[in-house]
PDB file of all heavy atoms in Angstrom:
ATOM      1  N   VAL A   1     134.580  61.818  81.570  1.00  0.00           N
ATOM      2  CA  VAL A   1     133.390  61.051  81.220  1.00  0.00           C
ATOM      3  C   VAL A   1     132.921  60.202  82.387  1.00  0.00           C
ATOM      4  O   VAL A   1     131.682  60.101  82.688  1.00  0.00           O
ATOM      5  CB  VAL A   1     133.681  60.165  79.972  1.00  0.00           C
ATOM      6  CG1 VAL A   1     132.509  59.149  79.777  1.00  0.00           C
ATOM      7  CG2 VAL A   1     133.824  61.015  78.763  1.00  0.00           C
ATOM      8  N   VAL A   2     133.901  59.553  83.105  1.00  0.00           N
ATOM      9  CA  VAL A   2     133.566  58.724  84.266  1.00  0.00           C
ATOM     10  C   VAL A   2     132.845  59.593  85.339  1.00  0.00           C
ATOM     11  O   VAL A   2     131.829  59.273  85.896  1.00  0.00           O
ATOM     12  CB  VAL A   2     134.770  58.075  84.825  1.00  0.00           C
ATOM     13  CG1 VAL A   2     134.470  57.356  86.145  1.00  0.00           C
ATOM     14  CG2 VAL A   2     135.352  57.062  83.823  1.00  0.00           C
ATOM     15  N   VAL A   3     133.425  60.766  85.607  1.00  0.00           N
ATOM     16  CA  VAL A   3     132.858  61.625  86.601  1.00  0.00           C
ATOM     17  C   VAL A   3     131.494  62.157  86.164  1.00  0.00           C
ATOM     18  O   VAL A   3     130.575  62.241  86.972  1.00  0.00           O
ATOM     19  CB  VAL A   3     133.799  62.836  86.882  1.00  0.00           C
ATOM     20  CG1 VAL A   3     133.146  63.843  87.824  1.00  0.00           C
ATOM     21  CG2 VAL A   3     135.156  62.355  87.431  1.00  0.00           C
ATOM     22  N   LEU A   4     131.369  62.428  84.854  1.00  0.00           N
ATOM     23  CA  LEU A   4     130.072  62.942  84.377  1.00  0.00           C
ATOM     24  C   LEU A   4     129.002  61.888  84.501  1.00  0.00           C
ATOM     25  O   LEU A   4     127.866  62.204  84.852  1.00  0.00           O
ATOM     26  CB  LEU A   4     130.292  63.326  82.875  1.00  0.00           C
ATOM     27  CG  LEU A   4     129.021  63.882  82.156  1.00  0.00           C
ATOM     28  CD1 LEU A   4     128.526  65.143  82.867  1.00  0.00           C
ATOM     29  CD2 LEU A   4     129.327  64.125  80.711  1.00  0.00           C
ATOM     30  N   ILE A   5     129.333  60.644  84.197  1.00  0.00           N
ATOM     31  CA  ILE A   5     128.334  59.557  84.340  1.00  0.00           C
ATOM     32  C   ILE A   5     127.892  59.462  85.751  1.00  0.00           C
ATOM     33  O   ILE A   5     126.685  59.316  86.063  1.00  0.00           O
ATOM     34  CB  ILE A   5     128.953  58.228  83.852  1.00  0.00           C
ATOM     35  CG1 ILE A   5     129.162  58.287  82.315  1.00  0.00           C
ATOM     36  CG2 ILE A   5     128.059  57.033  84.186  1.00  0.00           C
ATOM     37  CD1 ILE A   5     129.910  57.061  81.775  1.00  0.00           C
ATOM     38  N   LEU A   6     128.834  59.489  86.708  1.00  0.00           N
ATOM     39  CA  LEU A   6     128.521  59.384  88.098  1.00  0.00           C
ATOM     40  C   LEU A   6     127.582  60.506  88.554  1.00  0.00           C
ATOM     41  O   LEU A   6     126.569  60.302  89.156  1.00  0.00           O
ATOM     42  CB  LEU A   6     129.807  59.394  88.981  1.00  0.00           C
ATOM     43  CG  LEU A   6     129.594  59.447  90.470  1.00  0.00           C
ATOM     44  CD1 LEU A   6     128.831  58.202  90.997  1.00  0.00           C
ATOM     45  CD2 LEU A   6     130.896  59.623  91.217  1.00  0.00           C
ATOM     46  N   PHE A   7     127.957  61.753  88.219  1.00  0.00           N
ATOM     47  CA  PHE A   7     127.142  62.874  88.613  1.00  0.00           C
ATOM     48  C   PHE A   7     125.794  62.935  87.913  1.00  0.00           C
ATOM     49  O   PHE A   7     124.832  63.386  88.494  1.00  0.00           O
ATOM     50  CB  PHE A   7     127.919  64.195  88.391  1.00  0.00           C
ATOM     51  CG  PHE A   7     128.869  64.531  89.471  1.00  0.00           C
ATOM     52  CD1 PHE A   7     130.227  64.114  89.410  1.00  0.00           C
ATOM     53  CD2 PHE A   7     128.461  65.294  90.558  1.00  0.00           C
ATOM     54  CE1 PHE A   7     131.074  64.432  90.433  1.00  0.00           C
ATOM     55  CE2 PHE A   7     129.323  65.592  91.595  1.00  0.00           C
ATOM     56  CZ  PHE A   7     130.673  65.174  91.511  1.00  0.00           C
ATOM     57  N   THR A   8     125.736  62.374  86.714  1.00  0.00           N
ATOM     58  CA  THR A   8     124.460  62.345  86.012  1.00  0.00           C
ATOM     59  C   THR A   8     123.489  61.381  86.764  1.00  0.00           C
ATOM     60  O   THR A   8     122.306  61.695  87.015  1.00  0.00           O
ATOM     61  CB  THR A   8     124.658  61.864  84.555  1.00  0.00           C
ATOM     62  OG1 THR A   8     125.520  62.838  83.865  1.00  0.00           O
ATOM     63  CG2 THR A   8     123.330  61.765  83.821  1.00  0.00           C
ATOM     64  N   ILE A   9     123.972  60.206  87.056  1.00  0.00           N
ATOM     65  CA  ILE A   9     123.148  59.199  87.730  1.00  0.00           C
ATOM     66  C   ILE A   9     122.739  59.702  89.123  1.00  0.00           C
ATOM     67  O   ILE A   9     121.538  59.688  89.447  1.00  0.00           O
ATOM     68  CB  ILE A   9     123.886  57.891  87.866  1.00  0.00           C
ATOM     69  CG1 ILE A   9     124.140  57.254  86.486  1.00  0.00           C
ATOM     70  CG2 ILE A   9     123.116  56.920  88.758  1.00  0.00           C
ATOM     71  CD1 ILE A   9     125.009  56.053  86.544  1.00  0.00           C
ATOM     72  N   VAL A  10     123.704  60.179  89.910  1.00  0.00           N
ATOM     73  CA  VAL A  10     123.381  60.692  91.249  1.00  0.00           C
ATOM     74  C   VAL A  10     122.470  61.865  91.192  1.00  0.00           C
ATOM     75  O   VAL A  10     121.506  62.016  91.958  1.00  0.00           O
ATOM     76  CB  VAL A  10     124.665  60.976  91.984  1.00  0.00           C
ATOM     77  CG1 VAL A  10     124.364  61.592  93.374  1.00  0.00           C
ATOM     78  CG2 VAL A  10     125.505  59.698  92.217  1.00  0.00           C
ATOM     79  N   GLY A  11     122.760  62.800  90.304  1.00  0.00           N
ATOM     80  CA  GLY A  11     121.924  64.017  90.143  1.00  0.00           C
ATOM     81  C   GLY A  11     120.522  63.684  89.762  1.00  0.00           C
ATOM     82  O   GLY A  11     119.569  64.274  90.319  1.00  0.00           O
ATOM     83  N   TYR A  12     120.341  62.752  88.840  1.00  0.00           N
ATOM     84  CA  TYR A  12     118.976  62.371  88.430  1.00  0.00           C
ATOM     85  C   TYR A  12     118.193  61.802  89.562  1.00  0.00           C
ATOM     86  O   TYR A  12     117.076  62.181  89.814  1.00  0.00           O
ATOM     87  CB  TYR A  12     119.076  61.377  87.271  1.00  0.00           C
ATOM     88  CG  TYR A  12     117.736  60.929  86.760  1.00  0.00           C
ATOM     89  CD1 TYR A  12     116.993  61.729  85.868  1.00  0.00           C
ATOM     90  CD2 TYR A  12     117.201  59.730  87.134  1.00  0.00           C
ATOM     91  CE1 TYR A  12     115.761  61.306  85.407  1.00  0.00           C
ATOM     92  CE2 TYR A  12     115.981  59.289  86.661  1.00  0.00           C
ATOM     93  CZ  TYR A  12     115.262  60.087  85.819  1.00  0.00           C
ATOM     94  OH  TYR A  12     114.029  59.632  85.328  1.00  0.00           O
ATOM     95  N   ILE A  13     118.851  60.897  90.301  1.00  0.00           N
ATOM     96  CA  ILE A  13     118.132  60.241  91.431  1.00  0.00           C
ATOM     97  C   ILE A  13     117.884  61.259  92.547  1.00  0.00           C
ATOM     98  O   ILE A  13     116.813  61.261  93.231  1.00  0.00           O
ATOM     99  CB  ILE A  13     118.962  59.007  91.934  1.00  0.00           C
ATOM    100  CG1 ILE A  13     119.017  57.947  90.915  1.00  0.00           C
ATOM    101  CG2 ILE A  13     118.435  58.510  93.242  1.00  0.00           C
ATOM    102  CD1 ILE A  13     119.909  56.772  91.270  1.00  0.00           C
ATOM    103  N   PHE A  14     118.822  62.176  92.699  1.00  0.00           N
ATOM    104  CA  PHE A  14     118.616  63.218  93.760  1.00  0.00           C
ATOM    105  C   PHE A  14     117.368  64.097  93.411  1.00  0.00           C
ATOM    106  O   PHE A  14     116.538  64.349  94.300  1.00  0.00           O
ATOM    107  CB  PHE A  14     119.859  64.075  93.861  1.00  0.00           C
ATOM    108  CG  PHE A  14     119.774  65.171  94.863  1.00  0.00           C
ATOM    109  CD1 PHE A  14     120.003  64.969  96.194  1.00  0.00           C
ATOM    110  CD2 PHE A  14     119.385  66.459  94.469  1.00  0.00           C
ATOM    111  CE1 PHE A  14     119.897  65.954  97.130  1.00  0.00           C
ATOM    112  CE2 PHE A  14     119.255  67.505  95.363  1.00  0.00           C
ATOM    113  CZ  PHE A  14     119.563  67.225  96.705  1.00  0.00           C
ATOM    114  N   ILE A  15     117.316  64.506  92.159  1.00  0.00           N
ATOM    115  CA  ILE A  15     116.184  65.329  91.776  1.00  0.00           C
ATOM    116  C   ILE A  15     114.847  64.598  91.919  1.00  0.00           C
ATOM    117  O   ILE A  15     113.844  65.155  92.357  1.00  0.00           O
ATOM    118  CB  ILE A  15     116.366  65.829  90.314  1.00  0.00           C
ATOM    119  CG1 ILE A  15     117.586  66.783  90.262  1.00  0.00           C
ATOM    120  CG2 ILE A  15     115.139  66.515  89.760  1.00  0.00           C
ATOM    121  CD1 ILE A  15     118.051  67.154  88.844  1.00  0.00           C
ATOM    122  N   LYS A  16     114.879  63.318  91.523  1.00  0.00           N
ATOM    123  CA  LYS A  16     113.633  62.545  91.580  1.00  0.00           C
ATOM    124  C   LYS A  16     113.251  62.173  92.999  1.00  0.00           C
ATOM    125  O   LYS A  16     112.062  61.955  93.290  1.00  0.00           O
ATOM    126  CB  LYS A  16     113.785  61.277  90.733  1.00  0.00           C
ATOM    127  CG  LYS A  16     113.863  61.531  89.219  1.00  0.00           C
ATOM    128  CD  LYS A  16     112.498  61.903  88.709  1.00  0.00           C
ATOM    129  CE  LYS A  16     112.482  61.927  87.185  1.00  0.00           C
ATOM    130  NZ  LYS A  16     111.134  62.196  86.651  1.00  0.00           N
ATOM    131  N   GLY A  17     114.262  61.935  93.885  1.00  0.00           N
ATOM    132  CA  GLY A  17     113.961  61.384  95.169  1.00  0.00           C
ATOM    133  C   GLY A  17     113.979  62.262  96.380  1.00  0.00           C
ATOM    134  O   GLY A  17     113.473  61.926  97.417  1.00  0.00           O
ATOM    135  N   ILE A  18     114.553  63.473  96.221  1.00  0.00           N
ATOM    136  CA  ILE A  18     114.693  64.386  97.349  1.00  0.00           C
ATOM    137  C   ILE A  18     113.322  64.821  97.909  1.00  0.00           C
ATOM    138  O   ILE A  18     113.186  65.055  99.118  1.00  0.00           O
ATOM    139  CB  ILE A  18     115.513  65.608  96.970  1.00  0.00           C
ATOM    140  CG1 ILE A  18     115.879  66.454  98.211  1.00  0.00           C
ATOM    141  CG2 ILE A  18     114.766  66.466  95.922  1.00  0.00           C
ATOM    142  CD1 ILE A  18     116.733  65.643  99.199  1.00  0.00           C
ATOM    143  N   GLY A  19     112.318  64.870  97.097  1.00  0.00           N
ATOM    144  CA  GLY A  19     110.983  65.229  97.561  1.00  0.00           C
ATOM    145  C   GLY A  19     110.369  64.253  98.534  1.00  0.00           C
ATOM    146  O   GLY A  19     109.495  64.563  99.302  1.00  0.00           O
ATOM    147  N   ALA A  20     110.829  62.987  98.491  1.00  0.00           N
ATOM    148  CA  ALA A  20     110.306  61.945  99.371  1.00  0.00           C
ATOM    149  C   ALA A  20     110.986  61.930 100.777  1.00  0.00           C
ATOM    150  O   ALA A  20     110.513  61.332 101.658  1.00  0.00           O
ATOM    151  CB  ALA A  20     110.420  60.573  98.741  1.00  0.00           C
ATOM    152  N   ILE A  21     112.135  62.632 100.865  1.00  0.00           N
ATOM    153  CA  ILE A  21     112.917  62.517 102.052  1.00  0.00           C
ATOM    154  C   ILE A  21     112.370  63.477 103.145  1.00  0.00           C
ATOM    155  O   ILE A  21     112.253  64.719 102.930  1.00  0.00           O
ATOM    156  CB  ILE A  21     114.364  62.935 101.813  1.00  0.00           C
ATOM    157  CG1 ILE A  21     114.994  62.035 100.741  1.00  0.00           C
ATOM    158  CG2 ILE A  21     115.174  62.847 103.097  1.00  0.00           C
ATOM    159  CD1 ILE A  21     115.031  60.597 101.139  1.00  0.00           C
ATOM    160  N   ASN A  22     111.882  62.944 104.257  1.00  0.00           N
ATOM    161  CA  ASN A  22     111.446  63.681 105.422  1.00  0.00           C
ATOM    162  C   ASN A  22     111.526  62.765 106.587  1.00  0.00           C
ATOM    163  O   ASN A  22     111.882  61.604 106.509  1.00  0.00           O
ATOM    164  CB  ASN A  22     110.015  64.233 105.200  1.00  0.00           C
ATOM    165  CG  ASN A  22     109.039  63.147 104.782  1.00  0.00           C
ATOM    166  OD1 ASN A  22     108.960  62.077 105.396  1.00  0.00           O
ATOM    167  ND2 ASN A  22     108.290  63.430 103.719  1.00  0.00           N
ATOM    168  N   LEU A  23     111.174  63.291 107.773  1.00  0.00           N
ATOM    169  CA  LEU A  23     111.282  62.477 109.009  1.00  0.00           C
ATOM    170  C   LEU A  23     110.357  61.280 109.004  1.00  0.00           C
ATOM    171  O   LEU A  23     110.718  60.199 109.447  1.00  0.00           O
ATOM    172  CB  LEU A  23     110.966  63.351 110.200  1.00  0.00           C
ATOM    173  CG  LEU A  23     112.012  64.405 110.598  1.00  0.00           C
ATOM    174  CD1 LEU A  23     111.545  65.233 111.761  1.00  0.00           C
ATOM    175  CD2 LEU A  23     113.333  63.793 110.878  1.00  0.00           C
ATOM    176  N   LYS A  24     109.161  61.469 108.411  1.00  0.00           N
ATOM    177  CA  LYS A  24     108.236  60.331 108.346  1.00  0.00           C
ATOM    178  C   LYS A  24     108.773  59.237 107.447  1.00  0.00           C
ATOM    179  O   LYS A  24     108.632  58.057 107.769  1.00  0.00           O
ATOM    180  CB  LYS A  24     106.882  60.829 107.835  1.00  0.00           C
ATOM    181  CG  LYS A  24     105.826  59.742 107.804  1.00  0.00           C
ATOM    182  CD  LYS A  24     104.490  60.276 107.277  1.00  0.00           C
ATOM    183  CE  LYS A  24     103.458  59.173 107.260  1.00  0.00           C
ATOM    184  NZ  LYS A  24     102.139  59.655 106.694  1.00  0.00           N
ATOM    185  N   PHE A  25     109.409  59.597 106.376  1.00  0.00           N
ATOM    186  CA  PHE A  25     109.999  58.660 105.452  1.00  0.00           C
ATOM    187  C   PHE A  25     111.082  57.823 106.173  1.00  0.00           C
ATOM    188  O   PHE A  25     111.180  56.620 105.938  1.00  0.00           O
ATOM    189  CB  PHE A  25     110.581  59.401 104.268  1.00  0.00           C
ATOM    190  CG  PHE A  25     111.255  58.481 103.245  1.00  0.00           C
ATOM    191  CD1 PHE A  25     110.514  57.787 102.306  1.00  0.00           C
ATOM    192  CD2 PHE A  25     112.645  58.366 103.209  1.00  0.00           C
ATOM    193  CE1 PHE A  25     111.110  56.971 101.372  1.00  0.00           C
ATOM    194  CE2 PHE A  25     113.307  57.558 102.297  1.00  0.00           C
ATOM    195  CZ  PHE A  25     112.517  56.883 101.364  1.00  0.00           C
ATOM    196  N   PHE A  26     111.906  58.450 107.006  1.00  0.00           N
ATOM    197  CA  PHE A  26     112.971  57.729 107.706  1.00  0.00           C
ATOM    198  C   PHE A  26     112.470  56.927 108.871  1.00  0.00           C
ATOM    199  O   PHE A  26     112.901  55.780 109.070  1.00  0.00           O
ATOM    200  CB  PHE A  26     114.022  58.754 108.157  1.00  0.00           C
ATOM    201  CG  PHE A  26     115.071  59.067 107.124  1.00  0.00           C
ATOM    202  CD1 PHE A  26     115.026  60.339 106.503  1.00  0.00           C
ATOM    203  CD2 PHE A  26     115.992  58.143 106.697  1.00  0.00           C
ATOM    204  CE1 PHE A  26     115.981  60.680 105.554  1.00  0.00           C
ATOM    205  CE2 PHE A  26     116.929  58.477 105.750  1.00  0.00           C
ATOM    206  CZ  PHE A  26     116.922  59.711 105.153  1.00  0.00           C
ATOM    207  N   PHE A  27     111.585  57.494 109.656  1.00  0.00           N
ATOM    208  CA  PHE A  27     111.251  56.895 110.958  1.00  0.00           C
ATOM    209  C   PHE A  27     109.882  56.277 111.014  1.00  0.00           C
ATOM    210  O   PHE A  27     109.497  55.853 112.094  1.00  0.00           O
ATOM    211  CB  PHE A  27     111.369  57.946 112.054  1.00  0.00           C
ATOM    212  CG  PHE A  27     112.770  58.484 112.174  1.00  0.00           C
ATOM    213  CD1 PHE A  27     113.048  59.781 111.741  1.00  0.00           C
ATOM    214  CD2 PHE A  27     113.785  57.686 112.720  1.00  0.00           C
ATOM    215  CE1 PHE A  27     114.345  60.262 111.816  1.00  0.00           C
ATOM    216  CE2 PHE A  27     115.085  58.224 112.796  1.00  0.00           C
ATOM    217  CZ  PHE A  27     115.344  59.493 112.375  1.00  0.00           C
ATOM    218  N   GLY A  28     109.161  56.114 109.884  1.00  0.00           N
ATOM    219  CA  GLY A  28     107.968  55.379 109.880  1.00  0.00           C
ATOM    220  C   GLY A  28     108.259  53.935 110.166  1.00  0.00           C
ATOM    221  O   GLY A  28     109.290  53.373 109.881  1.00  0.00           O
ATOM    222  N   ASP A  29     107.292  53.245 110.808  1.00  0.00           N
ATOM    223  CA  ASP A  29     107.575  51.869 111.356  1.00  0.00           C
ATOM    224  C   ASP A  29     107.077  50.753 110.448  1.00  0.00           C
ATOM    225  O   ASP A  29     106.881  49.668 110.887  1.00  0.00           O
ATOM    226  CB  ASP A  29     106.991  51.705 112.750  1.00  0.00           C
ATOM    227  CG  ASP A  29     105.481  51.911 112.755  1.00  0.00           C
ATOM    228  OD1 ASP A  29     104.934  52.221 111.683  1.00  0.00           O
ATOM    229  OD2 ASP A  29     104.871  51.718 113.845  1.00  0.00           O
ATOM    230  N   ALA A  30     106.828  51.054 109.180  1.00  0.00           N
ATOM    231  CA  ALA A  30     106.400  50.019 108.233  1.00  0.00           C
ATOM    232  C   ALA A  30     107.012  50.246 106.875  1.00  0.00           C
ATOM    233  O   ALA A  30     107.470  51.315 106.565  1.00  0.00           O
ATOM    234  CB  ALA A  30     104.862  49.991 108.165  1.00  0.00           C
ATOM    235  N   ASN A  31     106.981  49.201 106.084  1.00  0.00           N
ATOM    236  CA  ASN A  31     107.503  49.253 104.744  1.00  0.00           C
ATOM    237  C   ASN A  31     106.807  50.360 103.934  1.00  0.00           C
ATOM    238  O   ASN A  31     105.604  50.492 104.049  1.00  0.00           O
ATOM    239  CB  ASN A  31     107.318  47.891 104.060  1.00  0.00           C
ATOM    240  CG  ASN A  31     107.988  47.816 102.729  1.00  0.00           C
ATOM    241  OD1 ASN A  31     107.559  48.397 101.787  1.00  0.00           O
ATOM    242  ND2 ASN A  31     109.106  47.117 102.656  1.00  0.00           N
ATOM    243  N   PRO A  32     107.546  51.136 103.140  1.00  0.00           N
ATOM    244  CA  PRO A  32     106.881  52.202 102.402  1.00  0.00           C
ATOM    245  C   PRO A  32     106.043  51.757 101.224  1.00  0.00           C
ATOM    246  O   PRO A  32     105.403  52.613 100.645  1.00  0.00           O
ATOM    247  CB  PRO A  32     108.112  53.048 101.905  1.00  0.00           C
ATOM    248  CG  PRO A  32     109.170  52.042 101.812  1.00  0.00           C
ATOM    249  CD  PRO A  32     108.953  51.099 102.971  1.00  0.00           C
ATOM    250  N   LEU A  33     106.040  50.479 100.918  1.00  0.00           N
ATOM    251  CA  LEU A  33     105.193  50.047  99.820  1.00  0.00           C
ATOM    252  C   LEU A  33     103.753  50.383 100.071  1.00  0.00           C
ATOM    253  O   LEU A  33     103.161  51.174  99.419  1.00  0.00           O
ATOM    254  CB  LEU A  33     105.462  48.526  99.538  1.00  0.00           C
ATOM    255  CG  LEU A  33     104.728  47.995  98.299  1.00  0.00           C
ATOM    256  CD1 LEU A  33     105.248  48.758  97.063  1.00  0.00           C
ATOM    257  CD2 LEU A  33     105.004  46.528  98.150  1.00  0.00           C
ATOM    258  N   TYR A  34     103.180  49.685 101.069  1.00  0.00           N
ATOM    259  CA  TYR A  34     101.836  50.106 101.485  1.00  0.00           C
ATOM    260  C   TYR A  34     101.314  49.191 102.591  1.00  0.00           C
ATOM    261  O   TYR A  34     101.762  48.058 102.732  1.00  0.00           O
ATOM    262  CB  TYR A  34     100.780  50.096 100.361  1.00  0.00           C
ATOM    263  CG  TYR A  34     100.716  48.858  99.593  1.00  0.00           C
ATOM    264  CD1 TYR A  34      99.985  47.743 100.035  1.00  0.00           C
ATOM    265  CD2 TYR A  34     101.334  48.739  98.350  1.00  0.00           C
ATOM    266  CE1 TYR A  34      99.882  46.589  99.260  1.00  0.00           C
ATOM    267  CE2 TYR A  34     101.258  47.599  97.608  1.00  0.00           C
ATOM    268  CZ  TYR A  34     100.520  46.526  98.053  1.00  0.00           C
ATOM    269  OH  TYR A  34     100.461  45.391  97.302  1.00  0.00           O
ATOM    270  N   VAL A  35     100.407  49.706 103.377  1.00  0.00           N
ATOM    271  CA  VAL A  35      99.637  48.950 104.335  1.00  0.00           C
ATOM    272  C   VAL A  35      98.170  49.080 103.845  1.00  0.00           C
ATOM    273  O   VAL A  35      97.643  50.178 103.807  1.00  0.00           O
ATOM    274  CB  VAL A  35      99.803  49.439 105.758  1.00  0.00           C
ATOM    275  CG1 VAL A  35      98.986  48.532 106.713  1.00  0.00           C
ATOM    276  CG2 VAL A  35     101.280  49.404 106.142  1.00  0.00           C
ATOM    277  N   ILE A  36      97.547  47.953 103.531  1.00  0.00           N
ATOM    278  CA  ILE A  36      96.222  48.031 102.956  1.00  0.00           C
ATOM    279  C   ILE A  36      95.224  48.205 104.079  1.00  0.00           C
ATOM    280  O   ILE A  36      95.057  47.359 104.960  1.00  0.00           O
ATOM    281  CB  ILE A  36      95.875  46.814 102.146  1.00  0.00           C
ATOM    282  CG1 ILE A  36      96.891  46.673 100.971  1.00  0.00           C
ATOM    283  CG2 ILE A  36      94.433  46.847 101.610  1.00  0.00           C
ATOM    284  CD1 ILE A  36      96.644  45.483 100.080  1.00  0.00           C
ATOM    285  N   LEU A  37      94.462  49.293 104.105  1.00  0.00           N
ATOM    286  CA  LEU A  37      93.355  49.524 104.984  1.00  0.00           C
ATOM    287  C   LEU A  37      92.104  49.741 104.115  1.00  0.00           C
ATOM    288  O   LEU A  37      91.866  50.836 103.644  1.00  0.00           O
ATOM    289  CB  LEU A  37      93.630  50.720 105.858  1.00  0.00           C
ATOM    290  CG  LEU A  37      94.794  50.610 106.864  1.00  0.00           C
ATOM    291  CD1 LEU A  37      94.966  51.891 107.606  1.00  0.00           C
ATOM    292  CD2 LEU A  37      94.587  49.430 107.767  1.00  0.00           C
ATOM    293  N   GLY A  38      91.357  48.703 103.894  1.00  0.00           N
ATOM    294  CA  GLY A  38      90.278  48.774 102.961  1.00  0.00           C
ATOM    295  C   GLY A  38      90.831  48.904 101.538  1.00  0.00           C
ATOM    296  O   GLY A  38      91.553  48.058 101.067  1.00  0.00           O
ATOM    297  N   LYS A  39      90.540  50.022 100.922  1.00  0.00           N
ATOM    298  CA  LYS A  39      91.083  50.278  99.563  1.00  0.00           C
ATOM    299  C   LYS A  39      92.141  51.347  99.585  1.00  0.00           C
ATOM    300  O   LYS A  39      92.628  51.841  98.584  1.00  0.00           O
ATOM    301  CB  LYS A  39      89.967  50.690  98.584  1.00  0.00           C
ATOM    302  CG  LYS A  39      88.954  49.547  98.395  1.00  0.00           C
ATOM    303  CD  LYS A  39      87.910  50.042  97.374  1.00  0.00           C
ATOM    304  CE  LYS A  39      86.871  48.923  97.106  1.00  0.00           C
ATOM    305  NZ  LYS A  39      85.824  49.348  96.150  1.00  0.00           N
ATOM    306  N   GLU A  40      92.483  51.812 100.797  1.00  0.00           N
ATOM    307  CA  GLU A  40      93.442  52.911 100.938  1.00  0.00           C
ATOM    308  C   GLU A  40      94.878  52.447 101.146  1.00  0.00           C
ATOM    309  O   GLU A  40      95.093  51.451 101.873  1.00  0.00           O
ATOM    310  CB  GLU A  40      92.998  53.807 102.142  1.00  0.00           C
ATOM    311  CG  GLU A  40      93.897  55.027 102.333  1.00  0.00           C
ATOM    312  CD  GLU A  40      93.461  55.834 103.524  1.00  0.00           C
ATOM    313  OE1 GLU A  40      92.528  55.368 104.209  1.00  0.00           O
ATOM    314  OE2 GLU A  40      94.100  56.822 103.799  1.00  0.00           O
ATOM    315  N   ARG A  41      95.798  53.105 100.613  1.00  0.00           N
ATOM    316  CA  ARG A  41      97.235  52.818 100.854  1.00  0.00           C
ATOM    317  C   ARG A  41      97.767  53.828 101.821  1.00  0.00           C
ATOM    318  O   ARG A  41      97.767  55.019 101.577  1.00  0.00           O
ATOM    319  CB  ARG A  41      98.051  52.859  99.539  1.00  0.00           C
ATOM    320  CG  ARG A  41      97.682  51.740  98.576  1.00  0.00           C
ATOM    321  CD  ARG A  41      98.653  51.750  97.441  1.00  0.00           C
ATOM    322  NE  ARG A  41      98.396  50.623  96.539  1.00  0.00           N
ATOM    323  CZ  ARG A  41      99.257  50.122  95.723  1.00  0.00           C
ATOM    324  NH1 ARG A  41     100.461  50.668  95.609  1.00  0.00           N
ATOM    325  NH2 ARG A  41      99.008  49.100  94.945  1.00  0.00           N
ATOM    326  N   VAL A  42      98.228  53.357 102.998  1.00  0.00           N
ATOM    327  CA  VAL A  42      98.804  54.225 104.008  1.00  0.00           C
ATOM    328  C   VAL A  42     100.302  54.121 103.983  1.00  0.00           C
ATOM    329  O   VAL A  42     100.887  53.053 104.245  1.00  0.00           O
ATOM    330  CB  VAL A  42      98.254  53.798 105.396  1.00  0.00           C
ATOM    331  CG1 VAL A  42      98.847  54.728 106.472  1.00  0.00           C
ATOM    332  CG2 VAL A  42      96.717  53.821 105.446  1.00  0.00           C
TER     333      VAL A  42
END
């Protein structure tokens, strides 16, 4: 049960978050929340 809970949590986050992982995500030089340029979020 302990192992299952761990793999469930990690697996869920992996499925949800793996799509965001790329070089720009790691090496961008600003917080990923947003930089406001007019009404656009960069």
